[in-house]
Amino acid sequence: MTTQTDAIRRFTDAWKRGDDDAINQITIEITRGGSDADIVAMTRAMATTTYGSSR
């Protein structure tokens, strides 16, 4: 089982809301952080979660 970082939780929530501004800000934060695991987790969240599903 993998533990999600705060950034990934926030990214997933923003993705579900379809909040483009938050998605952009968090993506910048994740990519600047340099964590390969977070980048992979972000990609998985996009692949497995419907964009804007909680609207």
C-alpha atoms as a PDB file:
ATOM      1  CA  MET A   1       0.000   0.000   0.000  1.00  0.00           C
ATOM      2  CA  THR A   2       1.312   3.405  -0.930  1.00  0.00           C
ATOM      3  CA  THR A   3       0.883   6.529   1.130  1.00  0.00           C
ATOM      4  CA  GLN A   4      -0.218   9.576  -0.827  1.00  0.00           C
ATOM      5  CA  THR A   5       1.528  12.851  -0.208  1.00  0.00           C
ATOM      6  CA  ASP A   6      -0.487  15.954   0.560  1.00  0.00           C
ATOM      7  CA  ALA A   7       0.244  17.294  -2.927  1.00  0.00           C
ATOM      8  CA  ILE A   8      -1.156  14.148  -4.554  1.00  0.00           C
ATOM      9  CA  ARG A   9      -4.307  14.258  -2.400  1.00  0.00           C
ATOM     10  CA  ARG A  10      -4.824  17.894  -3.356  1.00  0.00           C
ATOM     11  CA  PHE A  11      -4.127  17.141  -7.036  1.00  0.00           C
ATOM     12  CA  THR A  12      -6.618  14.264  -7.068  1.00  0.00           C
ATOM     13  CA  ASP A  13      -9.279  16.397  -5.385  1.00  0.00           C
ATOM     14  CA  ALA A  14      -8.671  19.247  -7.855  1.00  0.00           C
ATOM     15  CA  TRP A  15      -8.808  16.764 -10.768  1.00  0.00           C
ATOM     16  CA  LYS A  16     -12.147  15.434  -9.533  1.00  0.00           C
ATOM     17  CA  ARG A  17     -13.471  19.000  -9.257  1.00  0.00           C
ATOM     18  CA  GLY A  18     -12.116  19.964 -12.663  1.00  0.00           C
ATOM     19  CA  ASP A  19     -10.320  22.924 -11.064  1.00  0.00           C
ATOM     20  CA  ASP A  20      -7.797  23.843 -13.763  1.00  0.00           C
ATOM     21  CA  ASP A  21      -6.132  26.619 -11.753  1.00  0.00           C
ATOM     22  CA  ALA A  22      -5.490  24.337  -8.783  1.00  0.00           C
ATOM     23  CA  ILE A  23      -4.345  21.517 -11.083  1.00  0.00           C
ATOM     24  CA  ASN A  24      -1.808  23.829 -12.719  1.00  0.00           C
ATOM     25  CA  GLN A  25      -0.474  25.141  -9.403  1.00  0.00           C
ATOM     26  CA  ILE A  26      -0.166  21.694  -7.832  1.00  0.00           C
ATOM     27  CA  THR A  27       1.442  20.267 -10.998  1.00  0.00           C
ATOM     28  CA  ILE A  28       4.103  22.970 -10.796  1.00  0.00           C
ATOM     29  CA  GLU A  29       4.638  22.172  -7.115  1.00  0.00           C
ATOM     30  CA  ILE A  30       4.966  18.438  -7.825  1.00  0.00           C
ATOM     31  CA  THR A  31       7.310  18.807 -10.796  1.00  0.00           C
ATOM     32  CA  ARG A  32       9.544  21.293  -8.974  1.00  0.00           C
ATOM     33  CA  GLY A  33       9.679  18.966  -5.978  1.00  0.00           C
ATOM     34  CA  GLY A  34      11.436  16.388  -8.108  1.00  0.00           C
ATOM     35  CA  SER A  35       9.784  13.327  -6.584  1.00  0.00           C
ATOM     36  CA  ASP A  36       9.444  10.658  -9.248  1.00  0.00           C
ATOM     37  CA  ALA A  37       6.911   8.835  -7.069  1.00  0.00           C
ATOM     38  CA  ASP A  38       4.668  11.919  -6.952  1.00  0.00           C
ATOM     39  CA  ILE A  39       4.877  12.361 -10.711  1.00  0.00           C
ATOM     40  CA  VAL A  40       3.890   8.724 -11.227  1.00  0.00           C
ATOM     41  CA  ALA A  41       1.060   9.073  -8.695  1.00  0.00           C
ATOM     42  CA  MET A  42      -0.173  12.229 -10.429  1.00  0.00           C
ATOM     43  CA  THR A  43      -0.221  10.400 -13.760  1.00  0.00           C
ATOM     44  CA  ARG A  44      -2.093   7.471 -12.222  1.00  0.00           C
ATOM     45  CA  ALA A  45      -4.661   9.829 -10.694  1.00  0.00           C
ATOM     46  CA  MET A  46      -5.293  11.317 -14.143  1.00  0.00           C
ATOM     47  CA  ALA A  47      -5.587   7.861 -15.715  1.00  0.00           C
ATOM     48  CA  THR A  48      -7.947   6.380 -13.147  1.00  0.00           C
ATOM     49  CA  THR A  49     -10.113   9.326 -12.087  1.00  0.00           C
ATOM     50  CA  THR A  50     -12.677  11.017 -14.280  1.00  0.00           C
ATOM     51  CA  TYR A  51     -11.874  14.695 -14.747  1.00  0.00           C
ATOM     52  CA  GLY A  52     -14.574  16.836 -13.163  1.00  0.00           C
ATOM     53  CA  SER A  53     -16.380  13.796 -11.749  1.00  0.00           C
ATOM     54  CA  SER A  54     -17.445  15.577  -8.574  1.00  0.00           C
ATOM     55  CA  ARG A  55     -19.067  18.535 -10.334  1.00  0.00           C
END
